[in-house]
């Protein structure tokens, strides 16, 4: 019985990982359709988050997201 529970838990973990990967790999066209626009690339996540926070305060954006887009983090903004 424990083996079935362990396999079920592993199946859920793999399914969650695949779903998260599909969302992270969304095309720029689908991102634009939902109101997201790429702004600028940053070398570190910390710099991207700092710039995103600044854009919220100074430019009136409602949300920001820093996504890894090799070789940098792309700052995405949504009004």
Protein backbone atom coordinates (compact mmCIF):
# COMPACT_ATOMS: atom_id res chain seq x y z
CA UNK A 1 0.00 0.00 0.00
CA UNK A 2 2.86 2.38 0.77
CA UNK A 3 4.34 1.80 -2.68
CA UNK A 4 1.10 2.86 -4.36
CA UNK A 5 0.96 6.02 -2.27
CA UNK A 6 4.60 6.78 -3.08
CA UNK A 7 4.02 6.25 -6.82
CA UNK A 8 0.94 8.46 -6.70
CA UNK A 9 2.90 11.21 -4.94
CA UNK A 10 5.67 10.94 -7.52
CA UNK A 11 3.12 11.12 -10.34
CA UNK A 12 1.64 14.30 -8.85
CA UNK A 13 5.09 15.84 -8.46
CA UNK A 14 6.00 15.10 -12.08
CA UNK A 15 2.66 16.44 -13.34
CA UNK A 16 3.15 19.65 -11.32
CA UNK A 17 6.65 20.10 -12.71
CA UNK A 18 5.44 19.63 -16.29
CA UNK A 19 2.59 22.11 -15.80
CA UNK A 20 4.93 24.71 -14.29
CA UNK A 21 7.39 24.19 -17.17
CA UNK A 22 4.64 24.73 -19.72
CA UNK A 23 3.66 28.01 -18.08
CA UNK A 24 7.24 29.21 -17.85
CA UNK A 25 7.85 28.37 -21.50
CA UNK A 26 4.91 30.42 -22.74
CA UNK A 27 5.64 32.20 -25.98
CA UNK A 28 6.04 35.98 -26.03
CA UNK A 29 2.94 36.21 -28.24
CA UNK A 30 0.78 34.53 -25.61
CA UNK A 31 2.33 36.74 -22.93
CA UNK A 32 1.50 39.85 -24.96
CA UNK A 33 -2.06 38.63 -25.38
CA UNK A 34 -2.46 38.61 -21.59
CA UNK A 35 -1.07 42.13 -21.21
CA UNK A 36 2.57 41.33 -20.41
CA UNK A 37 5.32 43.24 -22.22
CA UNK A 38 9.08 42.59 -22.09
CA UNK A 39 11.06 45.55 -20.78
CA UNK A 40 14.77 44.83 -20.33
CA UNK A 41 17.25 42.05 -19.51
CA UNK A 42 19.30 41.96 -16.27
CA UNK A 43 22.32 39.86 -15.32
CA UNK A 44 21.06 39.00 -11.82
CA UNK A 45 17.66 38.21 -10.39
CA UNK A 46 18.22 40.79 -7.65
CA UNK A 47 18.73 43.58 -10.19
CA UNK A 48 15.64 42.48 -12.11
CA UNK A 49 13.47 42.48 -8.98
CA UNK A 50 14.81 45.88 -7.96
CA UNK A 51 14.02 47.35 -11.38
CA UNK A 52 10.56 45.73 -11.34
CA UNK A 53 9.76 47.21 -7.95
CA UNK A 54 10.91 50.63 -9.16
CA UNK A 55 8.66 50.38 -12.22
CA UNK A 56 5.67 49.60 -9.97
CA UNK A 57 6.28 52.69 -7.87
CA UNK A 58 7.38 55.21 -10.49
CA UNK A 59 5.65 54.18 -13.72
CA UNK A 60 2.34 52.86 -12.43
CA UNK A 61 2.63 49.24 -13.56
CA UNK A 62 0.45 46.77 -11.65
CA UNK A 63 2.69 43.68 -11.85
CA UNK A 64 6.16 42.60 -12.82
CA UNK A 65 7.80 39.24 -13.38
CA UNK A 66 11.46 38.31 -13.78
CA UNK A 67 11.87 35.27 -16.05
CA UNK A 68 15.12 33.52 -16.91
CA UNK A 69 15.81 34.09 -20.61
CA UNK A 70 19.36 32.85 -21.08
CA UNK A 71 21.81 34.56 -20.59
CA UNK A 72 19.85 37.05 -18.44
CA UNK A 73 16.63 37.68 -16.52
CA UNK A 74 13.98 39.42 -18.61
CA UNK A 75 11.78 41.91 -16.78
CA UNK A 76 8.15 41.61 -17.90
CA UNK A 77 5.63 44.31 -16.97
CA UNK A 78 1.84 44.46 -16.99
CA UNK A 79 -0.30 47.57 -16.68
